[in-house]
Amino acid sequence: QNLLKFEIAQVADSNTDAVFFAISENIGKALVFNQSRFYFAGGLHFDSTPLIYADRFNNKITNQSYKSIGPELNFQYNYHWNSIWSTEVKTSFFSPMIGISSPDGTKIKPSLSYDLELKLLYTINDKFDLYGGLNHTDHSLKSQAITGGSSFALPGDVNEIKFTATYMIFGMEYFY
């Protein structure tokens, strides 16, 4: 079976108003067995990673973001309890490769990030599923460090933003 999958994720931090936003679109194949399905796919991953500057002297927080796009690879296993309900474990690996925009004009360096999901699916028909569950993400974005001026960075130094979160997800799958 072929699979077209579109996912949107958004996580917010109420203390800083920082928002992590990601969109994935994947095309892949599903191998179907008696009560289970193994699926693998590749596609594009877009995300907006928050960059927070904290000024302790003026008690001010500035929220900006890096926007990037890169490849994504997914592996997923479904077990069907009956014709309507199933559970799923999925892992995704993705890498921000191309910077669309950055607050300080620096270039993005490739870095590896991953997601791990556990979902409960409701099957509407043999082509359409709705789901909800939990996602754990460990997101890393690296960029070239700014040198000169008041910066202590040396040429070739790299900045890294790490984002780790566990959150609820909801979505749909369409098999064609």
N, C-alpha and C. Protein backbone atom coordinates (compact mmCIF):
# COMPACT_ATOMS: atom_id res chain seq x y z
N GLN A 1 0.84 -1.19 0.00
CA GLN A 1 0.00 0.00 0.00
C GLN A 1 0.88 1.24 0.00
N ASN A 2 0.46 2.25 -0.73
CA ASN A 2 1.12 3.54 -0.70
C ASN A 2 0.50 4.39 0.40
N LEU A 3 1.25 5.34 0.91
CA LEU A 3 0.76 6.16 2.01
C LEU A 3 1.17 7.61 1.80
N LEU A 4 0.22 8.51 1.97
CA LEU A 4 0.48 9.95 1.98
C LEU A 4 0.16 10.43 3.39
N LYS A 5 1.11 11.06 4.04
CA LYS A 5 0.93 11.44 5.43
C LYS A 5 1.34 12.89 5.61
N PHE A 6 0.50 13.65 6.33
CA PHE A 6 0.74 15.06 6.59
C PHE A 6 0.54 15.28 8.08
N GLU A 7 1.55 15.79 8.78
CA GLU A 7 1.45 16.01 10.22
C GLU A 7 1.84 17.44 10.56
N ILE A 8 1.16 17.99 11.54
CA ILE A 8 1.47 19.32 12.07
C ILE A 8 1.67 19.19 13.57
N ALA A 9 2.72 19.79 14.09
CA ALA A 9 2.97 19.78 15.54
C ALA A 9 3.27 21.19 16.00
N GLN A 10 2.76 21.55 17.16
CA GLN A 10 3.06 22.85 17.75
C GLN A 10 3.17 22.68 19.25
N VAL A 11 4.25 23.19 19.82
CA VAL A 11 4.49 23.14 21.26
C VAL A 11 4.81 24.55 21.71
N ALA A 12 4.17 25.01 22.79
CA ALA A 12 4.39 26.38 23.28
C ALA A 12 4.89 26.35 24.72
N ASP A 13 5.71 27.34 25.07
CA ASP A 13 6.21 27.52 26.43
C ASP A 13 5.56 28.80 26.96
N SER A 14 4.71 28.66 27.97
CA SER A 14 3.97 29.82 28.47
C SER A 14 4.86 30.82 29.22
N ASN A 15 6.04 30.39 29.68
CA ASN A 15 6.94 31.30 30.39
C ASN A 15 7.63 32.29 29.45
N THR A 16 7.95 31.84 28.24
CA THR A 16 8.71 32.70 27.31
C THR A 16 7.95 33.02 26.03
N ASP A 17 6.76 32.44 25.85
CA ASP A 17 5.99 32.57 24.60
C ASP A 17 6.71 31.97 23.41
N ALA A 18 7.69 31.09 23.65
CA ALA A 18 8.40 30.42 22.55
C ALA A 18 7.51 29.34 21.96
N VAL A 19 7.53 29.20 20.64
CA VAL A 19 6.71 28.21 19.96
C VAL A 19 7.58 27.40 19.01
N PHE A 20 7.53 26.08 19.15
CA PHE A 20 8.16 25.16 18.20
C PHE A 20 7.06 24.69 17.27
N PHE A 21 7.28 24.80 15.97
CA PHE A 21 6.26 24.46 14.99
C PHE A 21 6.90 23.59 13.92
N ALA A 22 6.27 22.45 13.57
CA ALA A 22 6.82 21.56 12.55
C ALA A 22 5.73 21.02 11.65
N ILE A 23 6.07 20.85 10.38
CA ILE A 23 5.18 20.23 9.41
C ILE A 23 5.97 19.15 8.68
N SER A 24 5.38 17.97 8.56
CA SER A 24 6.02 16.87 7.83
C SER A 24 5.08 16.38 6.74
N GLU A 25 5.63 16.11 5.59
CA GLU A 25 4.87 15.48 4.51
C GLU A 25 5.70 14.34 3.98
N ASN A 26 5.14 13.13 4.01
CA ASN A 26 5.88 11.93 3.64
C ASN A 26 5.10 11.08 2.67
N ILE A 27 5.83 10.39 1.81
CA ILE A 27 5.25 9.40 0.91
C ILE A 27 6.02 8.11 1.14
N GLY A 28 5.30 6.99 1.26
CA GLY A 28 6.01 5.75 1.54
C GLY A 28 5.21 4.53 1.18
N LYS A 29 5.66 3.39 1.68
CA LYS A 29 5.05 2.10 1.43
C LYS A 29 4.68 1.44 2.74
N ALA A 30 3.61 0.68 2.74
CA ALA A 30 3.19 -0.08 3.91
C ALA A 30 3.18 -1.56 3.54
N LEU A 31 3.80 -2.38 4.38
CA LEU A 31 3.76 -3.83 4.22
C LEU A 31 2.70 -4.36 5.18
N VAL A 32 1.69 -5.03 4.65
CA VAL A 32 0.54 -5.44 5.45
C VAL A 32 0.61 -6.94 5.72
N PHE A 33 0.49 -7.30 7.02
CA PHE A 33 0.45 -8.69 7.43
C PHE A 33 -0.93 -8.97 8.03
N ASN A 34 -1.15 -10.10 8.69
CA ASN A 34 -2.47 -10.45 9.22
C ASN A 34 -3.06 -9.36 10.10
N GLN A 35 -2.46 -9.08 11.25
CA GLN A 35 -3.00 -8.09 12.17
C GLN A 35 -2.09 -6.88 12.32
N SER A 36 -1.06 -6.79 11.52
CA SER A 36 -0.11 -5.70 11.70
C SER A 36 0.31 -5.11 10.36
N ARG A 37 0.93 -3.95 10.48
CA ARG A 37 1.37 -3.23 9.28
C ARG A 37 2.69 -2.55 9.62
N PHE A 38 3.70 -2.73 8.78
CA PHE A 38 4.98 -2.05 8.93
C PHE A 38 5.07 -1.03 7.79
N TYR A 39 5.44 0.18 8.13
CA TYR A 39 5.45 1.25 7.15
C TYR A 39 6.78 1.99 7.21
N PHE A 40 7.32 2.34 6.07
CA PHE A 40 8.52 3.17 6.01
C PHE A 40 8.30 4.23 4.95
N ALA A 41 8.84 5.41 5.20
CA ALA A 41 8.61 6.52 4.27
C ALA A 41 9.71 7.56 4.42
N GLY A 42 9.81 8.39 3.42
CA GLY A 42 10.72 9.53 3.45
C GLY A 42 9.99 10.74 2.92
N GLY A 43 10.50 11.90 3.27
CA GLY A 43 9.86 13.12 2.81
C GLY A 43 10.59 14.34 3.30
N LEU A 44 9.86 15.44 3.36
CA LEU A 44 10.42 16.72 3.78
C LEU A 44 9.88 17.10 5.15
N HIS A 45 10.73 17.76 5.92
CA HIS A 45 10.37 18.22 7.25
C HIS A 45 10.66 19.71 7.33
N PHE A 46 9.65 20.51 7.67
CA PHE A 46 9.83 21.95 7.87
C PHE A 46 9.63 22.24 9.35
N ASP A 47 10.48 23.07 9.93
CA ASP A 47 10.20 23.48 11.30
C ASP A 47 10.66 24.90 11.58
N SER A 48 10.07 25.44 12.62
CA SER A 48 10.41 26.76 13.14
C SER A 48 10.88 26.54 14.57
N THR A 49 12.19 26.70 14.80
CA THR A 49 12.80 26.42 16.10
C THR A 49 12.99 27.73 16.86
N PRO A 50 12.47 27.81 18.09
CA PRO A 50 12.59 29.07 18.85
C PRO A 50 14.02 29.35 19.29
N LEU A 51 14.36 30.61 19.26
CA LEU A 51 15.65 31.11 19.77
C LEU A 51 15.30 32.22 20.75
N ILE A 52 15.64 32.02 22.01
CA ILE A 52 15.23 32.95 23.07
C ILE A 52 16.45 33.66 23.62
N TYR A 53 16.42 34.99 23.60
CA TYR A 53 17.47 35.80 24.20
C TYR A 53 16.95 36.33 25.53
N ALA A 54 17.68 36.10 26.62
CA ALA A 54 17.28 36.61 27.93
C ALA A 54 18.26 37.69 28.36
N ASP A 55 17.77 38.90 28.59
CA ASP A 55 18.57 40.03 29.06
C ASP A 55 18.27 40.21 30.54
N ARG A 56 19.17 39.72 31.41
CA ARG A 56 18.93 39.76 32.86
C ARG A 56 19.00 41.18 33.42
N PHE A 57 19.75 42.05 32.78
CA PHE A 57 19.90 43.40 33.30
C PHE A 57 18.62 44.22 33.12
N ASN A 58 17.95 44.03 31.98
CA ASN A 58 16.72 44.77 31.69
C ASN A 58 15.47 43.93 31.92
N ASN A 59 15.65 42.68 32.41
CA ASN A 59 14.54 41.77 32.66
C ASN A 59 13.65 41.63 31.42
N LYS A 60 14.29 41.39 30.27
CA LYS A 60 13.58 41.33 28.99
C LYS A 60 13.89 40.00 28.29
N ILE A 61 12.88 39.41 27.69
CA ILE A 61 13.06 38.19 26.91
C ILE A 61 12.64 38.47 25.47
N THR A 62 13.53 38.15 24.53
CA THR A 62 13.24 38.32 23.11
C THR A 62 13.08 36.93 22.49
N ASN A 63 12.00 36.72 21.76
CA ASN A 63 11.69 35.44 21.15
C ASN A 63 11.78 35.56 19.63
N GLN A 64 12.70 34.82 19.03
CA GLN A 64 12.85 34.79 17.58
C GLN A 64 12.90 33.33 17.17
N SER A 65 13.02 33.05 15.86
CA SER A 65 13.07 31.64 15.45
C SER A 65 13.89 31.43 14.18
N TYR A 66 14.43 30.23 14.08
CA TYR A 66 15.06 29.73 12.86
C TYR A 66 14.02 28.94 12.11
N LYS A 67 13.92 29.12 10.81
CA LYS A 67 13.03 28.31 9.97
C LYS A 67 13.91 27.51 9.03
N SER A 68 13.67 26.19 8.98
CA SER A 68 14.52 25.32 8.17
C SER A 68 13.71 24.20 7.53
N ILE A 69 14.32 23.56 6.54
CA ILE A 69 13.72 22.43 5.84
C ILE A 69 14.81 21.38 5.63
N GLY A 70 14.41 20.11 5.65
CA GLY A 70 15.38 19.04 5.45
C GLY A 70 14.70 17.71 5.27
N PRO A 71 15.50 16.65 5.06
CA PRO A 71 14.93 15.32 4.83
C PRO A 71 14.42 14.68 6.11
N GLU A 72 13.46 13.75 5.95
CA GLU A 72 12.90 13.01 7.08
C GLU A 72 12.74 11.55 6.67
N LEU A 73 13.02 10.64 7.60
CA LEU A 73 12.86 9.21 7.38
C LEU A 73 12.03 8.64 8.53
N ASN A 74 10.98 7.86 8.21
CA ASN A 74 10.04 7.33 9.21
C ASN A 74 9.98 5.81 9.16
N PHE A 75 9.84 5.21 10.35
CA PHE A 75 9.56 3.79 10.50
C PHE A 75 8.40 3.67 11.47
N GLN A 76 7.43 2.83 11.12
CA GLN A 76 6.20 2.76 11.90
C GLN A 76 5.69 1.33 11.94
N TYR A 77 5.20 0.90 13.12
CA TYR A 77 4.61 -0.43 13.27
C TYR A 77 3.21 -0.27 13.87
N ASN A 78 2.21 -0.86 13.22
CA ASN A 78 0.82 -0.85 13.69
C ASN A 78 0.40 -2.27 14.07
N TYR A 79 -0.33 -2.39 15.17
CA TYR A 79 -0.95 -3.66 15.53
C TYR A 79 -2.45 -3.42 15.64
N HIS A 80 -3.24 -4.17 14.87
CA HIS A 80 -4.70 -4.02 14.85
C HIS A 80 -5.34 -4.96 15.87
N TRP A 81 -6.04 -4.39 16.87
CA TRP A 81 -6.73 -5.16 17.88
C TRP A 81 -8.03 -5.74 17.32
N ASN A 82 -8.66 -4.99 16.43
CA ASN A 82 -9.84 -5.44 15.71
C ASN A 82 -9.94 -4.61 14.43
N SER A 83 -11.08 -4.61 13.77
CA SER A 83 -11.18 -3.89 12.49
C SER A 83 -11.23 -2.37 12.66
N ILE A 84 -11.40 -1.87 13.89
CA ILE A 84 -11.53 -0.43 14.11
C ILE A 84 -10.34 0.15 14.88
N TRP A 85 -9.89 -0.51 15.94
CA TRP A 85 -8.87 0.04 16.83
C TRP A 85 -7.50 -0.60 16.59
N SER A 86 -6.46 0.24 16.66
CA SER A 86 -5.09 -0.27 16.57
C SER A 86 -4.15 0.65 17.35
N THR A 87 -2.99 0.13 17.67
CA THR A 87 -1.94 0.93 18.32
C THR A 87 -0.77 1.04 17.35
N GLU A 88 0.05 2.05 17.57
CA GLU A 88 1.15 2.31 16.65
C GLU A 88 2.35 2.85 17.41
N VAL A 89 3.51 2.40 17.01
CA VAL A 89 4.79 2.94 17.49
C VAL A 89 5.51 3.46 16.25
N LYS A 90 6.01 4.68 16.34
CA LYS A 90 6.66 5.29 15.18
C LYS A 90 7.91 6.05 15.63
N THR A 91 8.94 5.99 14.82
CA THR A 91 10.11 6.82 15.04
C THR A 91 10.44 7.56 13.75
N SER A 92 10.85 8.80 13.90
CA SER A 92 11.23 9.65 12.76
C SER A 92 12.60 10.23 13.02
N PHE A 93 13.39 10.29 11.99
CA PHE A 93 14.68 10.96 12.04
C PHE A 93 14.67 12.08 11.00
N PHE A 94 15.10 13.26 11.39
CA PHE A 94 15.12 14.38 10.44
C PHE A 94 16.30 15.28 10.73
N SER A 95 16.65 16.06 9.72
CA SER A 95 17.81 16.93 9.85
C SER A 95 17.55 18.27 9.19
N PRO A 96 17.59 19.36 9.97
CA PRO A 96 17.52 20.68 9.34
C PRO A 96 18.75 20.87 8.45
N MET A 97 18.55 21.09 7.16
CA MET A 97 19.66 21.19 6.22
C MET A 97 19.75 22.57 5.56
N ILE A 98 18.59 23.12 5.22
CA ILE A 98 18.55 24.37 4.49
C ILE A 98 17.84 25.41 5.35
N GLY A 99 18.52 26.50 5.64
CA GLY A 99 17.90 27.57 6.41
C GLY A 99 17.04 28.44 5.53
N ILE A 100 15.78 28.60 5.88
CA ILE A 100 14.89 29.49 5.15
C ILE A 100 15.04 30.90 5.70
N SER A 101 15.13 31.01 7.03
CA SER A 101 15.39 32.31 7.66
C SER A 101 16.01 32.08 9.03
N SER A 102 16.83 33.03 9.45
CA SER A 102 17.41 32.99 10.79
C SER A 102 17.46 34.41 11.33
N PRO A 103 17.30 34.58 12.64
CA PRO A 103 17.25 35.92 13.22
C PRO A 103 18.56 36.69 13.11
N ASP A 104 19.68 35.96 13.05
CA ASP A 104 20.97 36.64 13.01
C ASP A 104 21.72 36.46 11.69
N GLY A 105 21.07 35.87 10.68
CA GLY A 105 21.67 35.73 9.36
C GLY A 105 22.70 34.62 9.24
N THR A 106 22.83 33.76 10.25
CA THR A 106 23.82 32.69 10.19
C THR A 106 23.32 31.51 9.38
N LYS A 107 24.24 30.69 8.89
CA LYS A 107 23.89 29.51 8.10
C LYS A 107 23.65 28.32 9.01
N ILE A 108 22.67 27.50 8.64
CA ILE A 108 22.35 26.30 9.40
C ILE A 108 23.29 25.18 8.99
N LYS A 109 23.74 24.41 9.99
CA LYS A 109 24.60 23.24 9.78
C LYS A 109 23.73 21.99 9.99
N PRO A 110 23.96 20.92 9.21
CA PRO A 110 23.18 19.69 9.40
C PRO A 110 23.35 19.13 10.81
N SER A 111 22.25 18.65 11.39
CA SER A 111 22.25 17.99 12.70
C SER A 111 21.11 17.00 12.73
N LEU A 112 21.23 15.96 13.54
CA LEU A 112 20.23 14.90 13.57
C LEU A 112 19.25 15.12 14.73
N SER A 113 17.95 15.00 14.45
CA SER A 113 16.90 15.08 15.46
C SER A 113 16.02 13.84 15.32
N TYR A 114 15.24 13.54 16.37
CA TYR A 114 14.35 12.38 16.27
C TYR A 114 13.05 12.63 17.03
N ASP A 115 12.02 11.88 16.65
CA ASP A 115 10.72 11.82 17.33
C ASP A 115 10.43 10.35 17.64
N LEU A 116 9.74 10.11 18.73
CA LEU A 116 9.24 8.79 19.07
C LEU A 116 7.77 8.97 19.45
N GLU A 117 6.88 8.22 18.80
CA GLU A 117 5.44 8.38 19.01
C GLU A 117 4.78 7.07 19.44
N LEU A 118 3.77 7.20 20.27
CA LEU A 118 2.90 6.10 20.64
C LEU A 118 1.47 6.60 20.43
N LYS A 119 0.69 5.88 19.57
CA LYS A 119 -0.63 6.37 19.19
C LYS A 119 -1.70 5.29 19.30
N LEU A 120 -2.93 5.75 19.46
CA LEU A 120 -4.12 4.93 19.35
C LEU A 120 -4.84 5.40 18.09
N LEU A 121 -5.15 4.46 17.19
CA LEU A 121 -5.78 4.81 15.92
C LEU A 121 -7.21 4.29 15.84
N TYR A 122 -8.05 5.08 15.19
CA TYR A 122 -9.43 4.70 14.91
C TYR A 122 -9.57 4.63 13.39
N THR A 123 -9.90 3.44 12.88
CA THR A 123 -10.00 3.24 11.44
C THR A 123 -11.43 3.53 10.97
N ILE A 124 -11.55 4.49 10.05
CA ILE A 124 -12.86 4.83 9.48
C ILE A 124 -13.19 3.87 8.34
N ASN A 125 -12.21 3.63 7.47
CA ASN A 125 -12.33 2.63 6.41
C ASN A 125 -10.92 2.14 6.07
N ASP A 126 -10.76 1.32 5.05
CA ASP A 126 -9.44 0.74 4.76
C ASP A 126 -8.44 1.77 4.22
N LYS A 127 -8.86 3.00 3.99
CA LYS A 127 -7.96 4.03 3.47
C LYS A 127 -7.75 5.21 4.41
N PHE A 128 -8.50 5.30 5.50
CA PHE A 128 -8.49 6.52 6.30
C PHE A 128 -8.48 6.21 7.79
N ASP A 129 -7.48 6.74 8.53
CA ASP A 129 -7.37 6.58 9.99
C ASP A 129 -7.29 7.94 10.67
N LEU A 130 -7.87 8.03 11.86
CA LEU A 130 -7.68 9.17 12.77
C LEU A 130 -6.87 8.68 13.95
N TYR A 131 -6.04 9.55 14.55
CA TYR A 131 -5.23 9.09 15.68
C TYR A 131 -4.98 10.18 16.71
N GLY A 132 -4.62 9.73 17.90
CA GLY A 132 -4.20 10.60 18.98
C GLY A 132 -3.17 9.84 19.81
N GLY A 133 -2.28 10.57 20.46
CA GLY A 133 -1.27 9.89 21.26
C GLY A 133 -0.26 10.84 21.85
N LEU A 134 0.90 10.29 22.16
CA LEU A 134 2.00 11.05 22.74
C LEU A 134 3.21 11.05 21.80
N ASN A 135 3.93 12.15 21.80
CA ASN A 135 5.15 12.28 21.00
C ASN A 135 6.26 12.79 21.90
N HIS A 136 7.43 12.19 21.78
CA HIS A 136 8.62 12.71 22.45
C HIS A 136 9.58 13.14 21.35
N THR A 137 10.05 14.38 21.40
CA THR A 137 10.97 14.87 20.39
C THR A 137 12.27 15.34 21.03
N ASP A 138 13.36 15.07 20.36
CA ASP A 138 14.67 15.58 20.74
C ASP A 138 15.20 16.28 19.50
N HIS A 139 15.09 17.58 19.49
CA HIS A 139 15.37 18.38 18.30
C HIS A 139 16.67 19.15 18.49
N SER A 140 17.51 19.12 17.49
CA SER A 140 18.79 19.83 17.54
C SER A 140 18.93 20.67 16.28
N LEU A 141 19.32 21.92 16.44
CA LEU A 141 19.58 22.79 15.31
C LEU A 141 20.93 23.46 15.54
N LYS A 142 21.82 23.33 14.58
CA LYS A 142 23.15 23.92 14.70
C LYS A 142 23.29 25.02 13.65
N SER A 143 24.00 26.08 14.05
CA SER A 143 24.25 27.18 13.11
C SER A 143 25.66 27.69 13.30
N GLN A 144 26.15 28.32 12.26
CA GLN A 144 27.48 28.92 12.30
C GLN A 144 27.48 30.05 13.33
N ALA A 145 28.50 30.10 14.19
CA ALA A 145 28.59 31.15 15.21
C ALA A 145 29.02 32.47 14.58
N ILE A 146 28.48 33.56 15.10
CA ILE A 146 28.88 34.90 14.65
C ILE A 146 30.20 35.26 15.33
N THR A 147 31.16 35.71 14.53
CA THR A 147 32.47 36.10 15.07
C THR A 147 32.66 37.61 14.92
N GLY A 148 33.63 38.12 15.66
CA GLY A 148 33.93 39.56 15.58
C GLY A 148 33.06 40.36 16.52
N GLY A 149 33.33 41.66 16.58
CA GLY A 149 32.56 42.54 17.46
C GLY A 149 32.74 42.14 18.90
N SER A 150 31.66 42.02 19.64
CA SER A 150 31.73 41.65 21.05
C SER A 150 31.64 40.13 21.26
N SER A 151 31.63 39.35 20.16
CA SER A 151 31.52 37.90 20.26
C SER A 151 32.86 37.28 20.64
N PHE A 152 32.80 36.25 21.49
CA PHE A 152 34.00 35.50 21.86
C PHE A 152 34.17 34.27 20.97
N ALA A 153 33.27 34.06 20.01
CA ALA A 153 33.33 32.90 19.14
C ALA A 153 34.51 33.01 18.17
N LEU A 154 35.10 31.86 17.88
CA LEU A 154 36.20 31.79 16.93
C LEU A 154 35.67 31.32 15.59
N PRO A 155 36.36 31.63 14.49
CA PRO A 155 35.92 31.12 13.18
C PRO A 155 35.79 29.60 13.22
N GLY A 156 34.68 29.09 12.71
CA GLY A 156 34.43 27.66 12.71
C GLY A 156 33.61 27.18 13.89
N ASP A 157 33.40 28.02 14.92
CA ASP A 157 32.58 27.63 16.07
C ASP A 157 31.12 27.46 15.63
N VAL A 158 30.41 26.59 16.36
CA VAL A 158 29.02 26.28 16.02
C VAL A 158 28.13 26.53 17.25
N ASN A 159 26.99 27.17 17.04
CA ASN A 159 25.96 27.31 18.07
C ASN A 159 24.99 26.15 17.93
N GLU A 160 24.42 25.71 19.04
CA GLU A 160 23.43 24.64 18.98
C GLU A 160 22.24 24.98 19.86
N ILE A 161 21.04 24.76 19.30
CA ILE A 161 19.80 24.90 20.04
C ILE A 161 19.26 23.49 20.24
N LYS A 162 19.01 23.08 21.48
CA LYS A 162 18.43 21.77 21.78
C LYS A 162 17.02 22.00 22.30
N PHE A 163 16.10 21.20 21.80
CA PHE A 163 14.70 21.30 22.19
C PHE A 163 14.21 19.89 22.47
N THR A 164 13.80 19.61 23.70
CA THR A 164 13.27 18.31 24.07
C THR A 164 11.89 18.51 24.69
N ALA A 165 10.91 17.74 24.21
CA ALA A 165 9.55 17.89 24.72
C ALA A 165 8.77 16.60 24.55
N THR A 166 7.76 16.43 25.39
CA THR A 166 6.79 15.36 25.25
C THR A 166 5.42 16.03 25.21
N TYR A 167 4.62 15.70 24.19
CA TYR A 167 3.35 16.39 24.00
C TYR A 167 2.33 15.48 23.32
N MET A 168 1.06 15.89 23.38
CA MET A 168 -0.03 15.14 22.74
C MET A 168 -0.08 15.47 21.25
N ILE A 169 -0.46 14.46 20.45
CA ILE A 169 -0.60 14.65 19.01
C ILE A 169 -1.95 14.13 18.55
N PHE A 170 -2.46 14.73 17.48
CA PHE A 170 -3.69 14.31 16.85
C PHE A 170 -3.48 14.46 15.35
N GLY A 171 -4.05 13.55 14.54
CA GLY A 171 -3.86 13.65 13.10
C GLY A 171 -4.70 12.64 12.34
N MET A 172 -4.33 12.49 11.07
CA MET A 172 -5.02 11.56 10.19
C MET A 172 -4.04 10.94 9.22
N GLU A 173 -4.36 9.76 8.71
CA GLU A 173 -3.56 9.09 7.69
C GLU A 173 -4.49 8.70 6.56
N TYR A 174 -3.99 8.83 5.34
CA TYR A 174 -4.75 8.41 4.17
C TYR A 174 -3.89 7.45 3.35
N PHE A 175 -4.36 6.25 3.15
CA PHE A 175 -3.67 5.25 2.36
C PHE A 175 -4.30 5.20 0.97
N TYR A 176 -3.49 5.15 -0.07
CA TYR A 176 -4.02 5.11 -1.43
C TYR A 176 -3.37 4.01 -2.23
